[in-house]
């Protein structure tokens, strides 16, 4: 049985297959679904770009359009990024399958199952959280008039879409058609970004599980017959982390670069336009993107923490009761573990909680600058 058909991986495989990104799916089916995914996201991007060219006059107009436009660009570029790394992604999937086959019925597979169960629960929570935030943003043009009616507010609001856009059609006449098209675009975009985020989480949790197995074996190291197994496990973990970094390289750059622009522009709109409509429109986007940057940073920190534990476990093990050959192997392993594994963005930025706080401080500085530019205008 394919390990990706088990409950731990099934949701990930289903969402990636739907967006045409699953590497084991037939190439023709992948091509068709991938094309539909790209077109669905472009449904959101092109009308917003047209709006900027036709209607944007000052910085406020650009700040108003940037959060949703940047969010759509993040979805598009992450989808293209994973697709362009299809060979690395296929190797990553095969690596996970190989690890599960290698462990087989070994007792340490229970450690990996614990991490996969954790990944499965998080996948469900992440799906609910992101979907709820996206739905609250997308359905704002419908829910706000309903609240006005329930609260008996004597307010007449013009028909509007979730974001500023230009379809070159009469909005009053084709409003519901355009609204449905927009809903479809957001459904596809959100599905794509959720699929990529949760497979990234799963791969890192798998790596954490394998590092935990390595730590367990080192702490309970008794016979020299396990020396080759421990060394092979260490090399396998290093290859896995390098594959993850290579596969998701473009995603890291997009999430950090465009993600900061999204949350800064959304924050500027909330601060400078203190009304309910702007808050409902930009609040969910700000919360979602802030959470996603924290989520990526926390996962990077998990790898650092688990790899740091390996050297501690090696010290705590009974290495002193082994042969001279095994002691030399332990010395080599300890030297490798002095510097913890980490996930980087283009080898320039280490993804960790420490650097997350730096991003938040930098974002606050950008928000101040953007507000001052807007007020000077």
Protein backbone atom coordinates (compact mmCIF):
# COMPACT_ATOMS: atom_id res chain seq x y z
CA UNK A 1 0.00 0.00 0.00
CA UNK A 2 1.24 3.48 -0.88
CA UNK A 3 2.05 5.37 2.33
CA UNK A 4 0.40 8.48 0.84
CA UNK A 5 -2.94 6.62 0.79
CA UNK A 6 -2.90 6.30 4.57
CA UNK A 7 -4.92 8.73 6.75
CA UNK A 8 -1.74 10.65 7.63
CA UNK A 9 -1.14 11.74 4.02
CA UNK A 10 -4.48 11.36 2.24
CA UNK A 11 -5.64 14.99 2.57
CA UNK A 12 -2.30 16.29 1.30
CA UNK A 13 -2.38 13.99 -1.72
CA UNK A 14 -6.02 14.87 -2.50
CA UNK A 15 -5.47 18.66 -2.47
CA UNK A 16 -2.24 18.47 -4.49
CA UNK A 17 -3.92 16.17 -7.02
CA UNK A 18 -6.83 18.62 -7.35
CA UNK A 19 -4.43 21.46 -8.20
CA UNK A 20 -2.34 19.33 -10.59
CA UNK A 21 0.78 19.39 -8.41
CA UNK A 22 0.97 15.77 -7.25
CA UNK A 23 4.10 14.26 -8.87
CA UNK A 24 2.80 10.67 -9.05
CA UNK A 25 -0.34 11.63 -10.99
CA UNK A 26 -0.51 11.06 -14.75
CA UNK A 27 1.19 13.88 -16.68
CA UNK A 28 -1.85 14.64 -18.89
CA UNK A 29 -4.20 14.90 -15.91
CA UNK A 30 -1.67 17.01 -14.02
CA UNK A 31 -1.27 19.33 -17.00
CA UNK A 32 -5.02 19.90 -17.34
CA UNK A 33 -5.60 20.49 -13.62
CA UNK A 34 -2.52 22.69 -13.30
CA UNK A 35 -3.70 24.84 -16.23
CA UNK A 36 -7.13 25.20 -14.60
CA UNK A 37 -5.46 26.21 -11.32
CA UNK A 38 -3.35 28.91 -13.01
CA UNK A 39 -6.36 30.24 -14.94
CA UNK A 40 -8.42 30.31 -11.74
CA UNK A 41 -5.80 32.44 -9.99
CA UNK A 42 -5.39 34.71 -13.03
CA UNK A 43 -9.15 35.39 -12.80
CA UNK A 44 -8.28 37.27 -9.60
CA UNK A 45 -5.06 38.95 -10.72
CA UNK A 46 -5.83 40.36 -14.19
CA UNK A 47 -8.97 42.40 -13.26
CA UNK A 48 -7.09 43.93 -10.31
CA UNK A 49 -4.18 44.95 -12.53
CA UNK A 50 -6.69 46.43 -15.00
CA UNK A 51 -8.28 48.39 -12.15
CA UNK A 52 -4.93 49.88 -11.16
CA UNK A 53 -4.19 51.00 -14.71
CA UNK A 54 -7.66 52.47 -15.24
CA UNK A 55 -8.65 53.91 -11.86
CA UNK A 56 -5.63 54.27 -9.53
CA UNK A 57 -4.72 57.93 -9.07
CA UNK A 58 -2.85 58.23 -5.76
CA UNK A 59 -1.02 56.04 -3.26
CA UNK A 60 -4.22 55.32 -1.33
CA UNK A 61 -5.69 53.60 -4.39
CA UNK A 62 -2.60 51.42 -4.68
CA UNK A 63 -2.54 50.61 -0.97
CA UNK A 64 -6.22 49.63 -1.21
CA UNK A 65 -5.57 47.17 -4.06
CA UNK A 66 -2.23 45.77 -2.84
CA UNK A 67 -3.38 43.33 -0.09
CA UNK A 68 -5.70 41.24 -2.28
CA UNK A 69 -3.50 41.57 -5.38
CA UNK A 70 -0.38 40.56 -3.46
CA UNK A 71 -2.25 37.63 -1.90
CA UNK A 72 -3.29 36.39 -5.35
CA UNK A 73 0.30 36.78 -6.60
CA UNK A 74 1.53 34.72 -3.63
CA UNK A 75 -0.86 31.91 -4.61
CA UNK A 76 0.21 32.11 -8.26
CA UNK A 77 3.97 32.19 -7.64
CA UNK A 78 3.87 29.41 -5.05
CA UNK A 79 1.94 27.21 -7.48
CA UNK A 80 4.39 27.93 -10.30
CA UNK A 81 7.32 27.48 -7.90
CA UNK A 82 6.28 23.97 -6.83
CA UNK A 83 5.50 23.00 -10.41
CA UNK A 84 8.94 24.16 -11.58
CA UNK A 85 10.52 21.93 -8.92
CA UNK A 86 8.53 18.84 -9.88
CA UNK A 87 11.62 16.60 -10.09
CA UNK A 88 12.79 17.59 -6.60
CA UNK A 89 9.25 17.20 -5.31
CA UNK A 90 9.06 13.68 -6.77
CA UNK A 91 12.37 12.79 -5.09
CA UNK A 92 11.03 14.19 -1.81
CA UNK A 93 7.91 12.01 -2.01
CA UNK A 94 10.04 8.96 -2.86
CA UNK A 95 12.33 9.75 0.08
CA UNK A 96 9.37 9.71 2.48
CA UNK A 97 8.13 6.42 1.02
CA UNK A 98 11.61 4.92 1.35
CA UNK A 99 11.87 5.96 5.02
CA UNK A 100 8.56 4.31 5.83
CA UNK A 101 9.54 1.11 4.01
CA UNK A 102 12.93 1.11 5.74
CA UNK A 103 11.41 1.37 9.20
CA UNK A 104 8.77 -1.27 8.41
CA UNK A 105 7.62 -2.88 11.65
CA UNK A 106 10.56 -1.58 13.66
CA UNK A 107 9.64 -0.25 17.10
CA UNK A 108 10.90 3.26 16.24
CA UNK A 109 8.16 3.66 13.62
CA UNK A 110 5.87 4.55 16.53
CA UNK A 111 7.90 7.73 16.98
CA UNK A 112 7.32 8.66 13.33
CA UNK A 113 3.60 7.81 13.61
CA UNK A 114 3.34 10.21 16.57
CA UNK A 115 4.71 13.03 14.41
CA UNK A 116 2.44 12.10 11.49
CA UNK A 117 -0.60 12.10 13.79
CA UNK A 118 0.47 15.55 14.91
CA UNK A 119 0.74 16.60 11.26
CA UNK A 120 -2.73 15.22 10.49
CA UNK A 121 -4.33 17.15 13.36
CA UNK A 122 -2.55 20.33 12.36
CA UNK A 123 -3.64 19.88 8.74
CA UNK A 124 -7.28 19.85 9.85
CA UNK A 125 -6.81 22.90 12.09
CA UNK A 126 -4.95 24.79 9.35
CA UNK A 127 -7.65 23.96 6.79
CA UNK A 128 -10.37 25.28 9.11
CA UNK A 129 -8.44 28.43 10.08
CA UNK A 130 -7.37 29.48 6.57
CA UNK A 131 -10.74 28.57 5.05
CA UNK A 132 -12.63 30.55 7.71
CA UNK A 133 -10.44 33.61 7.18
CA UNK A 134 -10.72 33.39 3.40
CA UNK A 135 -14.51 32.92 3.52
CA UNK A 136 -14.95 35.93 5.83
CA UNK A 137 -12.98 38.07 3.36
CA UNK A 138 -14.57 36.76 0.15
CA UNK A 139 -18.17 36.87 1.38
CA UNK A 140 -17.91 40.41 2.84
CA UNK A 141 -19.94 41.96 -0.06
CA UNK A 142 -22.84 39.66 0.91
CA UNK A 143 -22.53 39.49 4.70
CA UNK A 144 -22.19 43.26 5.31
CA UNK A 145 -25.60 44.12 3.72
CA UNK A 146 -27.12 41.26 5.75
CA UNK A 147 -25.70 42.76 8.97
CA UNK A 148 -27.04 46.18 7.92
CA UNK A 149 -30.50 44.65 7.52
CA UNK A 150 -30.37 42.74 10.83
CA UNK A 151 -29.13 45.79 12.73
CA UNK A 152 -31.66 48.02 10.93
CA UNK A 153 -28.89 50.34 9.76
CA UNK A 154 -30.19 53.00 7.43
CA UNK A 155 -27.23 52.63 5.05
CA UNK A 156 -27.34 52.14 1.30
CA UNK A 157 -24.19 50.45 0.02
CA UNK A 158 -23.29 50.09 -3.65
CA UNK A 159 -22.74 46.59 -5.02
CA UNK A 160 -19.10 45.61 -4.80
CA UNK A 161 -16.75 42.66 -5.22
CA UNK A 162 -14.36 41.38 -2.51
CA UNK A 163 -11.52 43.39 -4.07
CA UNK A 164 -11.13 46.37 -6.40
CA UNK A 165 -11.32 45.06 -9.98
CA UNK A 166 -12.14 46.06 -13.52
CA UNK A 167 -13.89 43.53 -15.78
CA UNK A 168 -14.94 46.11 -18.42
CA UNK A 169 -18.55 45.05 -17.87
CA UNK A 170 -21.55 46.73 -16.27
CA UNK A 171 -21.20 45.75 -12.60
CA UNK A 172 -24.88 46.36 -11.84
CA UNK A 173 -26.01 44.15 -14.71
CA UNK A 174 -23.50 41.31 -14.35
CA UNK A 175 -22.87 41.60 -10.60
CA UNK A 176 -23.85 38.09 -9.53
CA UNK A 177 -22.07 36.46 -12.47
CA UNK A 178 -18.86 38.34 -11.67
CA UNK A 179 -19.28 37.53 -7.97
CA UNK A 180 -19.55 33.79 -8.73
CA UNK A 181 -16.49 33.95 -10.99
CA UNK A 182 -14.58 35.72 -8.20
CA UNK A 183 -15.68 33.08 -5.68
CA UNK A 184 -14.42 30.31 -7.98
CA UNK A 185 -11.08 32.12 -8.39
CA UNK A 186 -10.65 32.45 -4.62
CA UNK A 187 -11.62 28.81 -4.05
CA UNK A 188 -8.92 27.65 -6.46
CA UNK A 189 -6.28 30.07 -5.12
CA UNK A 190 -6.92 29.20 -1.46
CA UNK A 191 -6.95 25.46 -2.24
CA UNK A 192 -3.57 25.74 -3.99
CA UNK A 193 -1.87 27.66 -1.19
CA UNK A 194 -3.33 25.36 1.51
CA UNK A 195 -2.16 22.27 -0.43
CA UNK A 196 1.40 23.64 -0.67
CA UNK A 197 1.53 24.82 2.96
CA UNK A 198 0.32 21.55 4.48
CA UNK A 199 2.63 19.34 2.37
CA UNK A 200 5.50 21.57 3.51
CA UNK A 201 4.40 21.06 7.11
CA UNK A 202 4.11 17.31 6.57
CA UNK A 203 7.62 17.03 5.08
CA UNK A 204 9.14 18.99 7.96
CA UNK A 205 7.25 16.92 10.52
CA UNK A 206 8.57 13.79 8.80
CA UNK A 207 12.10 15.21 9.10
CA UNK A 208 11.51 16.02 12.77
CA UNK A 209 10.27 12.47 13.29
CA UNK A 210 13.36 10.98 11.64
CA UNK A 211 15.61 13.24 13.74
CA UNK A 212 13.73 12.08 16.86
CA UNK A 213 14.33 8.47 15.80
CA UNK A 214 18.03 9.21 15.36
CA UNK A 215 18.14 10.77 18.85
CA UNK A 216 16.32 7.75 20.29
CA UNK A 217 18.77 5.33 18.68
CA UNK A 218 21.77 7.29 19.93
CA UNK A 219 20.44 7.41 23.50
CA UNK A 220 19.77 3.66 23.44
CA UNK A 221 22.91 2.76 21.55
CA UNK A 222 24.35 -0.49 22.99
CA UNK A 223 25.70 -2.78 20.30
CA UNK A 224 28.15 -1.76 17.61
CA UNK A 225 25.95 -3.48 15.01
CA UNK A 226 23.75 -0.37 14.93
CA UNK A 227 26.56 2.00 13.99
CA UNK A 228 25.92 1.79 10.24
CA UNK A 229 22.18 2.27 10.78
CA UNK A 230 22.77 5.42 12.86
CA UNK A 231 25.21 6.85 10.31
CA UNK A 232 22.82 6.10 7.44
CA UNK A 233 19.97 7.74 9.35
CA UNK A 234 22.05 10.89 9.83
CA UNK A 235 22.92 11.10 6.12
CA UNK A 236 19.28 10.47 5.16
CA UNK A 237 18.09 13.34 7.39
CA UNK A 238 20.61 15.71 5.83
CA UNK A 239 19.49 14.77 2.30
CA UNK A 240 15.82 15.15 3.27
CA UNK A 241 16.30 18.68 4.64
CA UNK A 242 18.32 19.73 1.58
CA UNK A 243 15.53 18.40 -0.67
CA UNK A 244 12.88 20.33 1.28
CA UNK A 245 14.91 23.52 1.01
CA UNK A 246 15.42 23.03 -2.73
CA UNK A 247 11.79 22.09 -3.47
CA UNK A 248 10.24 25.00 -1.55
CA UNK A 249 12.96 27.60 -2.34
CA UNK A 250 10.69 29.81 -4.47
CA UNK A 251 7.86 29.47 -1.94
CA UNK A 252 10.11 30.79 0.84
CA UNK A 253 11.11 33.85 -1.18
CA UNK A 254 7.48 34.60 -2.13
CA UNK A 255 6.12 34.07 1.38
CA UNK A 256 8.68 36.36 3.00
CA UNK A 257 8.99 39.00 0.25
CA UNK A 258 5.43 39.44 -0.96
CA UNK A 259 4.05 38.39 2.43
CA UNK A 260 5.64 41.40 4.12
CA UNK A 261 4.25 43.69 1.39
CA UNK A 262 0.76 42.21 1.89
CA UNK A 263 0.64 42.68 5.63
CA UNK A 264 2.22 46.16 5.48
CA UNK A 265 -0.29 47.45 2.91
CA UNK A 266 -3.21 45.86 4.78
CA UNK A 267 -2.02 47.42 8.05
CA UNK A 268 -1.68 50.85 6.40
CA UNK A 269 -5.28 50.68 5.14
CA UNK A 270 -6.62 49.68 8.57
CA UNK A 271 -4.68 52.43 10.39
CA UNK A 272 -5.42 55.25 7.94
CA UNK A 273 -9.08 54.35 7.21
CA UNK A 274 -10.79 53.58 10.48
CA UNK A 275 -14.10 52.23 9.26
CA UNK A 276 -15.81 48.85 9.36
CA UNK A 277 -15.63 48.11 5.65
CA UNK A 278 -11.85 48.55 5.47
CA UNK A 279 -11.38 46.47 8.64
CA UNK A 280 -13.54 43.60 7.32
CA UNK A 281 -11.75 43.72 3.96
CA UNK A 282 -8.14 43.89 5.20
CA UNK A 283 -8.34 42.39 8.69
CA UNK A 284 -8.63 38.73 7.59
CA UNK A 285 -5.80 39.12 5.05
CA UNK A 286 -3.53 40.68 7.67
CA UNK A 287 -4.26 37.96 10.23
CA UNK A 288 -3.88 35.12 7.72
CA UNK A 289 -0.56 36.33 6.31
CA UNK A 290 0.86 37.12 9.74
CA UNK A 291 -0.09 33.63 10.88
CA UNK A 292 1.45 32.04 7.77
CA UNK A 293 4.79 33.81 8.30
CA UNK A 294 4.75 32.72 11.96
CA UNK A 295 3.80 29.20 10.89
CA UNK A 296 6.80 28.99 8.49
CA UNK A 297 9.15 30.39 11.14
CA UNK A 298 7.92 27.98 13.79
CA UNK A 299 8.45 25.00 11.47
CA UNK A 300 11.99 26.17 10.74
CA UNK A 301 12.60 26.45 14.49
CA UNK A 302 11.35 22.88 14.95
CA UNK A 303 14.08 21.58 12.62
CA UNK A 304 16.74 23.59 14.50
CA UNK A 305 15.54 22.30 17.90
CA UNK A 306 15.30 18.65 16.81
CA UNK A 307 18.70 18.63 15.15
CA UNK A 308 20.25 20.28 18.24
CA UNK A 309 18.85 17.41 20.32
CA UNK A 310 20.84 14.85 18.28
CA UNK A 311 24.23 15.84 19.74
CA UNK A 312 22.76 15.85 23.27
CA UNK A 313 21.39 12.35 22.74
CA UNK A 314 24.76 11.18 21.41
CA UNK A 315 26.47 12.46 24.56
CA UNK A 316 23.86 10.75 26.76
CA UNK A 317 24.24 7.39 25.01
CA UNK A 318 26.58 4.59 26.10
CA UNK A 319 29.11 5.28 23.38
CA UNK A 320 31.96 4.62 25.81
CA UNK A 321 31.06 0.90 25.86
CA UNK A 322 31.48 0.49 22.11
CA UNK A 323 34.44 -0.43 19.94
CA UNK A 324 37.10 2.05 18.80
CA UNK A 325 35.63 2.12 15.28
CA UNK A 326 32.21 3.08 16.60
CA UNK A 327 33.73 5.76 18.86
CA UNK A 328 35.36 7.32 15.79
CA UNK A 329 32.00 7.28 14.03
CA UNK A 330 30.44 9.01 17.03
CA UNK A 331 33.16 11.68 16.97
CA UNK A 332 32.41 12.35 13.31
CA UNK A 333 28.66 12.47 14.03
CA UNK A 334 29.16 14.90 16.91
CA UNK A 335 31.23 17.20 14.72
CA UNK A 336 28.43 17.21 12.12
CA UNK A 337 25.83 17.96 14.78
CA UNK A 338 27.67 20.93 16.29
CA UNK A 339 25.91 23.11 13.74
CA UNK A 340 22.15 22.35 13.76
CA UNK A 341 20.26 21.76 10.53
CA UNK A 342 18.19 24.70 9.37
CA UNK A 343 15.95 25.75 6.50
CA UNK A 344 17.11 28.84 4.64
CA UNK A 345 15.70 31.21 2.06
CA UNK A 346 18.21 31.30 -0.83
CA UNK A 347 21.02 30.60 1.70
CA UNK A 348 20.61 34.20 2.95
CA UNK A 349 17.89 34.05 5.58
CA UNK A 350 17.48 31.33 8.21
CA UNK A 351 13.82 30.54 8.84
CA UNK A 352 13.38 30.62 12.62
CA UNK A 353 11.37 32.28 15.37
CA UNK A 354 14.23 34.67 16.09
CA UNK A 355 14.14 35.96 12.52
CA UNK A 356 10.32 36.09 12.64
CA UNK A 357 10.56 38.81 15.28
CA UNK A 358 13.03 40.65 13.03
CA UNK A 359 10.52 40.49 10.14
CA UNK A 360 7.78 41.92 12.36
CA UNK A 361 10.02 44.82 13.43
CA UNK A 362 10.98 45.49 9.81
CA UNK A 363 7.31 45.37 8.78
CA UNK A 364 6.44 47.95 11.45
CA UNK A 365 9.12 50.26 10.05
CA UNK A 366 7.75 49.82 6.52
CA UNK A 367 4.22 50.57 7.72
CA UNK A 368 5.42 53.83 9.30
CA UNK A 369 7.21 54.78 6.08
CA UNK A 370 4.18 53.96 3.89
CA UNK A 371 1.86 56.00 6.12
CA UNK A 372 4.20 58.99 6.02
CA UNK A 373 4.44 58.79 2.21
CA UNK A 374 0.66 58.69 1.98
CA UNK A 375 0.20 61.67 4.30
CA UNK A 376 2.82 63.73 2.42
CA UNK A 377 0.94 63.17 -0.80
